[in-house]
């Protein structure tokens, strides 16, 4: 089947829809009546459903938790699972993160890669199939969540309250090409301790992001100590400070990344704590600094906690401190651990409770996500690999594993498929998230072929 002309004709409408959707700030906000995850995610869901309805597809909005866009007939169903919520923009952007700007062959904005761009790519691929009146033996349903970046309450509602008919096969375009057949287990948790002093410290913005910036306020009298500590650091440019009256504001610049790809980032919170460990800080701030450096430091794999483990499919366990802040008289740490499929997430949870029991920090679990595993030789994985290879000519890449957590875990016979290509720069969860149109065209070709092959 030659889709080349249809794909070329669809590129401008697709790019415009991605721009339109990325102009909506759909980071989770405070719940409002009829908007369980705040106004932004609800607006984004309404917008993508309106796009689907204008294309002639059946749409349903389940109380702004989850939406459906469906096409075709048949007893069996192909599902495509993704989301329209995003992580906060964070700092360091050279463009408006909510501008949806298209310039020089690039769409700029939060959500272009994760996951508005991929979901709209699949929607426009389905539109091509519809416009060409190609016969399908399966229905195709896009299942669109609004709470993926935090705790997946959208999918809990969908599965346990709506109780829909579930797809027989499915994929989630919320990761990388070619195919992810296994996803590590995930444990997100909080650590809290009371503070009675006026400690001003902050960094990061989400469990599942490597903090790109951190900040602490110290006494101005500590300026010479700070200068010395910075001069002895490997990368002096990571640190900057200003003195305002009797305060010294120390800022640490790291490299943001998705917690699923921890080694690609540089945790500003960890490097801030390392520097604080070289300064004559006192009392509660010293206790916090010592605790952090003893338990976490700048390592990535849980070695200091004694929970390091690894398997042949997924490699090592990872541990990310995604956020630190003080609120209501408590220091709060948000942490994210990705656990290899051969190990039980609940066992790691129990070990962590034991580790922190007598430290003065209270541990509470924010979310637990069980791992995903679909055999590499399954029909689903092999068909998706065929579509990827047909379009890209890449016969070297093989099915892979990931620390990422996609909706693939929520139903049976579902894997992550795309949309980031091996040659693409991964700016998910980072400043200046963007999507090149040349890559978007490849996405559209791959998703179109895959949907057609799986549903025909």
Protein backbone atom coordinates (compact mmCIF):
# COMPACT_ATOMS: atom_id res chain seq x y z
CA UNK A 1 0.00 0.00 0.00
CA UNK A 2 1.49 3.35 -1.08
CA UNK A 3 0.68 6.03 1.48
CA UNK A 4 3.32 8.54 0.36
CA UNK A 5 1.00 11.10 -1.26
CA UNK A 6 -1.52 10.94 1.60
CA UNK A 7 1.24 11.40 4.17
CA UNK A 8 2.60 14.48 2.36
CA UNK A 9 -0.88 16.00 2.23
CA UNK A 10 -1.46 15.34 5.92
CA UNK A 11 1.74 16.91 7.23
CA UNK A 12 0.57 20.52 7.48
CA UNK A 13 -2.73 19.71 9.23
CA UNK A 14 -0.87 17.40 11.61
CA UNK A 15 1.76 20.01 12.48
CA UNK A 16 -0.93 22.64 13.04
CA UNK A 17 -2.89 20.33 15.36
CA UNK A 18 0.25 19.58 17.38
CA UNK A 19 0.95 23.30 17.65
CA UNK A 20 -2.64 23.96 18.70
CA UNK A 21 -2.64 21.28 21.39
CA UNK A 22 0.77 22.31 22.73
CA UNK A 23 -0.50 25.85 23.27
CA UNK A 24 -2.60 24.44 26.12
CA UNK A 25 -0.75 24.24 29.43
CA UNK A 26 -1.99 20.83 30.51
CA UNK A 27 0.27 20.23 33.50
CA UNK A 28 -1.79 18.88 36.38
CA UNK A 29 -3.49 21.56 38.47
CA UNK A 30 -5.90 21.78 41.37
CA UNK A 31 -9.05 19.76 40.90
CA UNK A 32 -12.20 21.69 40.00
CA UNK A 33 -15.79 20.55 39.53
CA UNK A 34 -15.80 18.28 36.47
CA UNK A 35 -12.04 18.70 36.10
CA UNK A 36 -10.34 16.11 38.32
CA UNK A 37 -6.82 17.10 37.24
CA UNK A 38 -7.40 20.81 36.83
CA UNK A 39 -8.40 23.03 33.97
CA UNK A 40 -5.42 22.41 31.69
CA UNK A 41 -5.73 18.64 31.19
CA UNK A 42 -9.50 19.00 30.73
CA UNK A 43 -9.01 21.63 28.02
CA UNK A 44 -6.41 19.49 26.26
CA UNK A 45 -8.70 16.46 26.29
CA UNK A 46 -11.61 18.48 24.95
CA UNK A 47 -9.37 19.84 22.21
CA UNK A 48 -8.11 16.49 20.95
CA UNK A 49 -11.62 15.01 21.09
CA UNK A 50 -12.88 17.96 19.04
CA UNK A 51 -10.18 17.28 16.45
CA UNK A 52 -11.22 13.62 16.30
CA UNK A 53 -14.90 14.48 16.04
CA UNK A 54 -14.21 16.93 13.19
CA UNK A 55 -12.50 14.08 11.35
CA UNK A 56 -15.69 12.04 11.59
CA UNK A 57 -14.72 9.67 14.40
CA UNK A 58 -16.80 8.58 17.37
CA UNK A 59 -15.69 10.31 20.57
CA UNK A 60 -16.48 9.92 24.27
CA UNK A 61 -15.32 12.01 27.23
CA UNK A 62 -15.41 10.10 30.52
CA UNK A 63 -15.71 13.00 32.98
CA UNK A 64 -12.38 14.53 31.92
CA UNK A 65 -10.51 11.50 33.21
CA UNK A 66 -10.14 9.70 29.88
CA UNK A 67 -11.37 10.20 26.34
CA UNK A 68 -11.93 7.80 23.46
CA UNK A 69 -11.70 8.35 19.71
CA UNK A 70 -12.87 5.31 17.72
CA UNK A 71 -13.19 4.25 14.10
CA UNK A 72 -14.37 1.14 12.28
CA UNK A 73 -16.35 -1.98 13.02
CA UNK A 74 -15.58 -5.51 14.16
CA UNK A 75 -15.49 -7.71 17.22
CA UNK A 76 -11.79 -7.18 17.82
CA UNK A 77 -10.14 -3.90 18.68
CA UNK A 78 -6.73 -2.29 18.26
CA UNK A 79 -6.03 0.14 21.09
CA UNK A 80 -3.67 3.12 21.02
CA UNK A 81 -3.02 4.42 24.53
CA UNK A 82 -1.53 7.81 25.34
CA UNK A 83 -2.08 11.05 27.20
CA UNK A 84 -2.48 14.81 26.85
CA UNK A 85 -1.21 15.90 30.27
CA UNK A 86 2.39 17.07 30.51
CA UNK A 87 5.04 17.77 33.14
CA UNK A 88 5.47 21.43 34.14
CA UNK A 89 7.54 23.55 31.77
CA UNK A 90 10.36 24.10 34.23
CA UNK A 91 13.09 26.66 33.59
CA UNK A 92 15.71 27.26 30.92
CA UNK A 93 13.53 27.58 27.81
CA UNK A 94 14.68 29.70 24.88
CA UNK A 95 11.13 29.62 23.45
CA UNK A 96 7.67 29.92 24.96
CA UNK A 97 6.96 26.40 26.28
CA UNK A 98 3.25 27.00 25.62
CA UNK A 99 3.69 28.80 22.31
CA UNK A 100 3.44 25.85 19.95
CA UNK A 101 5.79 27.78 17.67
CA UNK A 102 6.56 26.28 14.26
CA UNK A 103 9.76 27.70 12.81
CA UNK A 104 12.68 26.45 10.72
CA UNK A 105 11.15 23.00 10.38
CA UNK A 106 10.64 22.51 14.12
CA UNK A 107 7.60 22.54 16.42
CA UNK A 108 8.54 23.89 19.85
CA UNK A 109 6.62 23.28 23.04
CA UNK A 110 5.96 21.10 26.04
CA UNK A 111 4.23 17.94 24.84
CA UNK A 112 5.56 17.85 21.28
CA UNK A 113 7.36 14.59 22.11
CA UNK A 114 5.52 13.52 25.25
CA UNK A 115 2.77 12.75 24.34
CA UNK A 116 0.62 15.17 22.34
CA UNK A 117 2.68 14.88 19.17
CA UNK A 118 2.64 11.07 19.09
CA UNK A 119 -1.10 10.79 19.86
CA UNK A 120 -2.00 13.30 17.16
CA UNK A 121 0.28 11.44 14.75
CA UNK A 122 -1.72 8.26 15.35
CA UNK A 123 -4.98 10.18 15.01
CA UNK A 124 -3.96 11.63 11.67
CA UNK A 125 -2.73 8.20 10.54
CA UNK A 126 -6.20 6.86 11.29
CA UNK A 127 -7.71 9.77 9.34
CA UNK A 128 -5.66 8.77 6.29
CA UNK A 129 -7.01 5.22 6.53
CA UNK A 130 -10.54 6.57 6.83
CA UNK A 131 -10.14 9.04 3.96
CA UNK A 132 -8.74 6.31 1.72
CA UNK A 133 -11.67 4.06 2.70
CA UNK A 134 -9.37 1.15 3.43
CA UNK A 135 -11.17 -1.91 4.82
CA UNK A 136 -10.31 -2.88 8.39
CA UNK A 137 -11.28 -6.01 10.32
CA UNK A 138 -10.77 -4.39 13.72
CA UNK A 139 -12.03 -1.25 15.34
CA UNK A 140 -9.30 1.22 16.24
CA UNK A 141 -9.66 3.16 19.49
CA UNK A 142 -7.45 5.91 20.82
CA UNK A 143 -7.60 5.93 24.61
CA UNK A 144 -6.43 9.29 25.94
CA UNK A 145 -5.61 9.89 29.59
CA UNK A 146 -5.16 13.12 31.54
CA UNK A 147 -3.05 12.04 34.54
CA UNK A 148 -0.19 9.95 33.14
CA UNK A 149 2.63 12.15 34.36
CA UNK A 150 1.68 11.77 38.02
CA UNK A 151 -0.29 8.87 39.43
CA UNK A 152 -2.48 7.42 36.63
CA UNK A 153 -5.80 8.04 38.40
CA UNK A 154 -7.25 8.57 34.93
CA UNK A 155 -6.62 4.94 33.99
CA UNK A 156 -7.80 3.70 37.38
CA UNK A 157 -11.08 5.50 36.74
CA UNK A 158 -11.31 4.17 33.20
CA UNK A 159 -10.65 0.56 34.11
CA UNK A 160 -12.49 0.38 37.43
CA UNK A 161 -15.37 2.87 37.06
CA UNK A 162 -16.05 2.99 33.32
CA UNK A 163 -15.12 -0.70 32.90
CA UNK A 164 -14.85 -0.47 29.11
CA UNK A 165 -14.43 -3.18 26.56
CA UNK A 166 -10.66 -3.59 26.31
CA UNK A 167 -8.58 -3.87 23.13
CA UNK A 168 -7.41 -7.29 22.00
CA UNK A 169 -4.05 -5.85 20.99
CA UNK A 170 -2.62 -2.40 21.66
CA UNK A 171 0.37 -0.13 21.66
CA UNK A 172 1.34 3.11 23.37
CA UNK A 173 3.24 5.73 21.32
CA UNK A 174 4.82 7.17 24.44
CA UNK A 175 8.39 5.95 24.35
CA UNK A 176 10.98 5.17 21.66
CA UNK A 177 11.16 3.28 18.39
CA UNK A 178 11.44 0.47 17.56
CA UNK A 179 9.47 -1.55 20.18
CA UNK A 180 9.73 -1.72 23.96
CA UNK A 181 8.82 -5.25 25.04
CA UNK A 182 9.64 -4.79 28.74
CA UNK A 183 9.23 -1.85 31.11
CA UNK A 184 10.77 -1.76 34.55
CA UNK A 185 8.65 -1.68 37.68
CA UNK A 186 8.26 1.77 39.17
CA UNK A 187 8.08 3.02 42.73
CA UNK A 188 7.56 6.70 43.53
CA UNK A 189 7.73 7.76 47.16
CA UNK A 190 8.10 10.71 49.51
CA UNK A 191 10.41 11.31 52.43
CA UNK A 192 9.43 13.96 54.96
CA UNK A 193 11.01 15.30 58.14
CA UNK A 194 9.98 18.21 60.35
CA UNK A 195 12.08 21.37 60.33
CA UNK A 196 11.83 24.08 62.97
CA UNK A 197 14.41 26.45 61.47
CA UNK A 198 13.90 28.79 58.53
CA UNK A 199 15.42 26.59 55.84
CA UNK A 200 14.94 27.81 52.26
CA UNK A 201 15.84 25.09 49.80
CA UNK A 202 14.21 23.90 46.60
CA UNK A 203 14.90 22.02 43.40
CA UNK A 204 13.17 20.03 40.68
CA UNK A 205 9.50 19.89 39.72
CA UNK A 206 8.37 16.24 39.45
CA UNK A 207 9.08 12.74 40.72
CA UNK A 208 10.02 11.54 37.25
CA UNK A 209 12.31 14.36 36.10
CA UNK A 210 15.97 14.90 36.86
CA UNK A 211 16.14 18.40 38.41
CA UNK A 212 17.80 20.94 36.13
CA UNK A 213 18.03 23.61 38.83
CA UNK A 214 18.27 23.79 42.61
CA UNK A 215 18.60 26.68 45.03
CA UNK A 216 19.41 27.24 48.70
CA UNK A 217 19.68 30.43 50.77
CA UNK A 218 22.68 30.67 53.08
CA UNK A 219 24.11 33.39 55.37
CA UNK A 220 26.02 36.05 53.44
CA UNK A 221 28.90 35.54 55.89
CA UNK A 222 29.51 32.20 54.17
CA UNK A 223 30.54 33.84 50.87
CA UNK A 224 34.26 33.01 51.10
CA UNK A 225 33.49 29.39 51.95
CA UNK A 226 31.12 29.19 48.99
CA UNK A 227 33.74 30.71 46.65
CA UNK A 228 36.33 28.17 47.79
CA UNK A 229 33.96 25.21 47.45
CA UNK A 230 32.91 26.29 43.95
CA UNK A 231 36.52 26.80 42.85
CA UNK A 232 37.34 23.26 43.95
CA UNK A 233 34.40 21.76 42.01
CA UNK A 234 35.00 19.93 38.76
CA UNK A 235 32.51 22.13 36.91
CA UNK A 236 32.55 25.61 38.42
CA UNK A 237 30.03 26.82 35.82
CA UNK A 238 27.33 24.67 37.44
CA UNK A 239 27.24 27.03 40.41
CA UNK A 240 26.36 30.71 40.76
CA UNK A 241 25.41 32.93 43.65
CA UNK A 242 24.35 36.44 44.55
CA UNK A 243 24.52 38.24 47.89
CA UNK A 244 21.47 40.24 48.90
CA UNK A 245 21.82 41.90 52.30
CA UNK A 246 22.53 39.21 54.86
CA UNK A 247 21.57 36.38 52.48
CA UNK A 248 23.54 34.44 49.89
CA UNK A 249 21.41 32.81 47.22
CA UNK A 250 23.20 29.79 45.77
CA UNK A 251 21.87 28.37 42.50
CA UNK A 252 22.99 25.07 41.01
CA UNK A 253 22.44 24.28 37.33
CA UNK A 254 22.12 20.66 36.28
CA UNK A 255 20.89 18.88 33.18
CA UNK A 256 17.24 17.86 33.06
CA UNK A 257 16.17 14.43 31.83
CA UNK A 258 13.35 11.95 32.19
CA UNK A 259 13.89 9.71 35.20
CA UNK A 260 13.58 6.70 32.89
CA UNK A 261 16.88 7.78 31.30
CA UNK A 262 18.67 8.88 34.40
CA UNK A 263 22.23 8.79 33.06
CA UNK A 264 21.35 11.45 30.47
CA UNK A 265 20.77 14.04 33.20
CA UNK A 266 22.76 15.74 35.91
CA UNK A 267 20.84 16.14 39.15
CA UNK A 268 21.10 19.74 40.37
CA UNK A 269 19.76 18.78 43.81
CA UNK A 270 22.45 16.13 44.29
CA UNK A 271 25.24 18.47 43.23
CA UNK A 272 23.86 21.19 45.49
CA UNK A 273 23.90 18.80 48.45
CA UNK A 274 27.43 17.72 47.57
CA UNK A 275 28.56 21.37 47.66
CA UNK A 276 26.69 22.00 50.92
CA UNK A 277 28.60 19.07 52.39
CA UNK A 278 31.81 21.10 51.92
CA UNK A 279 30.42 24.18 53.69
CA UNK A 280 30.19 24.96 57.43
CA UNK A 281 26.41 24.62 57.51
CA UNK A 282 24.92 23.91 60.92
CA UNK A 283 22.03 22.38 62.82
CA UNK A 284 19.07 21.12 60.76
CA UNK A 285 20.55 22.08 57.39
CA UNK A 286 23.67 20.09 58.25
CA UNK A 287 21.51 17.13 59.31
CA UNK A 288 19.63 17.30 55.99
CA UNK A 289 22.83 17.63 53.99
CA UNK A 290 24.53 14.72 55.76
CA UNK A 291 21.46 12.52 55.38
CA UNK A 292 21.22 13.24 51.68
CA UNK A 293 24.89 12.71 50.93
CA UNK A 294 25.04 9.52 53.01
CA UNK A 295 21.91 7.94 51.46
CA UNK A 296 21.85 9.31 47.91
CA UNK A 297 24.84 11.42 46.93
CA UNK A 298 25.42 11.74 43.19
CA UNK A 299 25.14 8.03 42.38
CA UNK A 300 22.26 6.75 40.24
CA UNK A 301 21.63 3.13 41.13
CA UNK A 302 20.69 2.94 44.82
CA UNK A 303 24.16 1.81 45.86
CA UNK A 304 24.28 3.95 49.01
CA UNK A 305 20.94 2.53 50.19
CA UNK A 306 21.95 -1.05 49.51
CA UNK A 307 19.12 -1.69 47.04
CA UNK A 308 21.22 -1.94 43.88
CA UNK A 309 20.18 -4.83 41.61
CA UNK A 310 20.21 -5.68 37.91
CA UNK A 311 18.97 -8.19 35.32
CA UNK A 312 19.83 -9.10 31.73
CA UNK A 313 16.68 -7.58 30.22
CA UNK A 314 16.61 -4.17 31.88
CA UNK A 315 20.00 -3.55 33.45
CA UNK A 316 20.33 -1.83 36.85
CA UNK A 317 17.75 -0.38 39.21
CA UNK A 318 17.77 3.43 39.13
CA UNK A 319 16.95 5.95 41.86
CA UNK A 320 16.19 9.61 41.14
CA UNK A 321 15.58 12.42 43.62
CA UNK A 322 13.18 14.45 41.52
CA UNK A 323 12.27 17.25 43.91
CA UNK A 324 13.14 18.87 47.23
CA UNK A 325 11.26 21.66 48.98
CA UNK A 326 10.10 22.90 52.38
CA UNK A 327 6.38 23.23 53.03
CA UNK A 328 4.29 23.52 56.18
CA UNK A 329 7.26 22.99 58.46
CA UNK A 330 8.51 19.89 56.66
CA UNK A 331 11.36 19.11 54.32
CA UNK A 332 9.99 16.98 51.48
CA UNK A 333 11.90 14.77 49.03
CA UNK A 334 10.20 13.17 46.01
CA UNK A 335 11.93 10.06 44.69
CA UNK A 336 11.47 7.76 41.71
CA UNK A 337 12.93 4.26 41.38
CA UNK A 338 12.83 2.05 38.27
CA UNK A 339 13.20 -1.65 39.09
CA UNK A 340 14.29 -4.46 36.71
CA UNK A 341 11.52 -6.87 35.67
CA UNK A 342 13.16 -9.84 37.42
CA UNK A 343 12.73 -8.17 40.82
CA UNK A 344 9.56 -7.61 42.85
CA UNK A 345 8.62 -3.95 43.29
CA UNK A 346 6.99 -4.78 46.63
CA UNK A 347 10.25 -6.26 47.92
CA UNK A 348 12.08 -3.03 47.12
CA UNK A 349 9.29 -1.05 48.80
CA UNK A 350 9.65 -3.12 51.97
CA UNK A 351 13.43 -2.70 52.00
CA UNK A 352 13.07 1.07 51.73
CA UNK A 353 10.60 1.23 54.61
CA UNK A 354 13.09 -0.72 56.70
CA UNK A 355 15.97 1.55 55.64
CA UNK A 356 14.20 4.80 56.56
CA UNK A 357 12.33 3.59 59.65
CA UNK A 358 14.69 5.07 62.26
CA UNK A 359 16.15 7.99 60.30
CA UNK A 360 13.70 10.70 61.35
CA UNK A 361 12.22 10.68 57.85
CA UNK A 362 8.72 9.39 57.24
CA UNK A 363 8.33 7.44 54.01
CA UNK A 364 5.06 7.31 52.09
CA UNK A 365 4.39 5.72 48.72
CA UNK A 366 2.97 7.97 46.01
CA UNK A 367 2.54 5.25 43.38
CA UNK A 368 3.56 1.73 42.48
CA UNK A 369 3.49 0.46 38.92
CA UNK A 370 4.08 -3.18 38.13
CA UNK A 371 6.49 -4.05 35.31
CA UNK A 372 5.52 -4.93 31.74
CA UNK A 373 6.80 -7.95 29.85
CA UNK A 374 5.65 -9.18 26.43
CA UNK A 375 7.82 -11.84 24.75
CA UNK A 376 10.06 -10.53 21.99
CA UNK A 377 8.84 -13.23 19.61
CA UNK A 378 5.13 -12.42 20.09
CA UNK A 379 3.05 -11.57 17.00
CA UNK A 380 2.44 -8.05 18.29
CA UNK A 381 6.12 -7.25 18.74
CA UNK A 382 7.11 -8.82 15.44
CA UNK A 383 4.46 -6.97 13.41
CA UNK A 384 5.43 -3.64 14.92
CA UNK A 385 9.08 -4.36 14.18
CA UNK A 386 8.14 -5.09 10.56
CA UNK A 387 6.44 -1.71 10.17
CA UNK A 388 9.37 0.10 11.74
CA UNK A 389 11.91 -1.67 9.53
CA UNK A 390 9.85 -1.21 6.37
CA UNK A 391 9.66 2.56 6.77
CA UNK A 392 13.12 3.30 8.20
CA UNK A 393 15.25 0.62 6.55
CA UNK A 394 16.81 0.08 9.97
CA UNK A 395 17.37 -3.67 10.20
CA UNK A 396 19.91 -3.43 13.02
CA UNK A 397 17.72 -2.19 15.86
CA UNK A 398 16.06 -4.85 17.99
CA UNK A 399 13.21 -4.88 20.52
CA UNK A 400 14.32 -3.17 23.68
CA UNK A 401 13.52 -2.55 27.33
CA UNK A 402 12.95 0.72 29.13
CA UNK A 403 12.76 2.36 32.50
CA UNK A 404 9.83 4.35 31.16
CA UNK A 405 6.32 3.78 32.39
CA UNK A 406 3.65 3.88 29.71
CA UNK A 407 0.00 2.93 29.69
CA UNK A 408 1.09 -0.34 28.06
CA UNK A 409 1.18 -1.74 31.59
CA UNK A 410 -2.53 -1.18 32.15
CA UNK A 411 -3.89 -3.84 29.77
CA UNK A 412 -2.79 -7.18 28.37
CA UNK A 413 -1.04 -7.61 25.03
CA UNK A 414 0.18 -4.03 24.83
CA UNK A 415 3.68 -2.62 24.25
CA UNK A 416 5.27 0.80 23.81
CA UNK A 417 5.91 1.68 20.16
CA UNK A 418 7.53 5.03 19.33
CA UNK A 419 7.60 7.71 18.77
CA UNK A 420 11.16 8.90 19.42
CA UNK A 421 13.50 7.69 16.67
CA UNK A 422 17.03 6.47 17.47
CA UNK A 423 18.56 9.51 15.77
CA UNK A 424 16.31 12.05 17.52
CA UNK A 425 17.53 14.17 20.39
CA UNK A 426 15.43 13.34 23.44
CA UNK A 427 14.10 16.54 25.00
CA UNK A 428 11.16 14.94 26.82
CA UNK A 429 10.70 16.57 30.24
CA UNK A 430 13.46 19.06 29.39
CA UNK A 431 13.68 22.70 28.41
CA UNK A 432 13.13 23.39 24.70
CA UNK A 433 11.20 20.18 24.06
CA UNK A 434 10.72 20.11 20.30
CA UNK A 435 9.86 18.00 17.28
CA UNK A 436 11.49 18.29 13.86
CA UNK A 437 9.04 18.04 10.96
CA UNK A 438 11.38 15.68 9.10
CA UNK A 439 11.07 13.26 12.01
CA UNK A 440 7.32 13.84 12.29
CA UNK A 441 6.90 12.65 8.71
CA UNK A 442 8.73 9.42 9.56
CA UNK A 443 6.52 9.02 12.64
CA UNK A 444 3.41 9.37 10.52
CA UNK A 445 4.60 6.80 7.99
CA UNK A 446 5.49 4.26 10.69
CA UNK A 447 2.30 4.70 12.72
CA UNK A 448 0.15 4.59 9.59
CA UNK A 449 1.68 1.34 8.41
CA UNK A 450 1.51 -0.21 11.89
CA UNK A 451 -2.15 0.70 12.45
CA UNK A 452 -3.11 -0.59 9.03
CA UNK A 453 -1.17 -3.86 9.39
CA UNK A 454 -2.55 -4.56 12.87
CA UNK A 455 -6.19 -3.65 12.08
CA UNK A 456 -6.69 -4.80 8.47
